[in-house]
Amino acid sequence: MLRIILIHPGATDFDEQRRIKGSLSIPLNANGAEQAAHTATALAGHDIDCIYVGPCQSAHQTAEALLQERSIKIKTLDKLKNLDHGLWHGKTIDEVRQHQPKVYRQWQDHPEQVCPPDGESVMSAQLRVRATLVKLLKKHKSGTIAIIVPNPLVTVLRSEIKRSDVGDLWKSEQDYGSWELLEVEPEKVALSS
């Protein structure tokens, strides 16, 4: 049995302003650093074999907080970069809702059918996350790994592991500084790259 700890990085200024950061690399703010420290404390009793992070500052800073006295390495996986929101980067969620109400509703109800203007579709993100999971599940058959990526990618990752719907990605954009433990039997997860 493999245990996967999915960790949402602590908050950034963009998160607290309800701005879409997507694939932008933004550092934790003071609240985010505190959230990362709380996550590290909560996970102190877990033996973690490896920490995988997406290529962004908030994920790396959250991973650094987890290290504490652990002698493990942080491995950056480029395919775990957050969803590219294209022209939505830097806009507030409310701006998208006001200026593109139809697309906003589609993103809530059927995100797999939406591609932000000049951005990446959720389906494209699902494919690269699935390919990454296939490699991780081949490498790790047991033990505990941590994966730290911001939302909405952590929601996409969770849906791939659980083989469930993605759900409302706008709601997930506001979920930072938390974690969840998933138990996976790698040989039973039907993923194909």
Foldseek 3Di string as FASTA:
>chain_A
DEKEKEAAQFDFPCLVVQADAFQPATAHDPRRLVLLLVVLVVCVPADAAEEEEEPHRRLVSSVVSNCVPPPYDYHYDPLLGGWWQAPRGGPHLVVCCVPPVVLLVCLQVPQQPDAHVVTDGLVVNLVSLLVVVLVVLVVDQYGYHYYYHHPPSSLSNVCLQVVHDSHRRSVRSNDHSDIDMDDHRSVPRDGDD
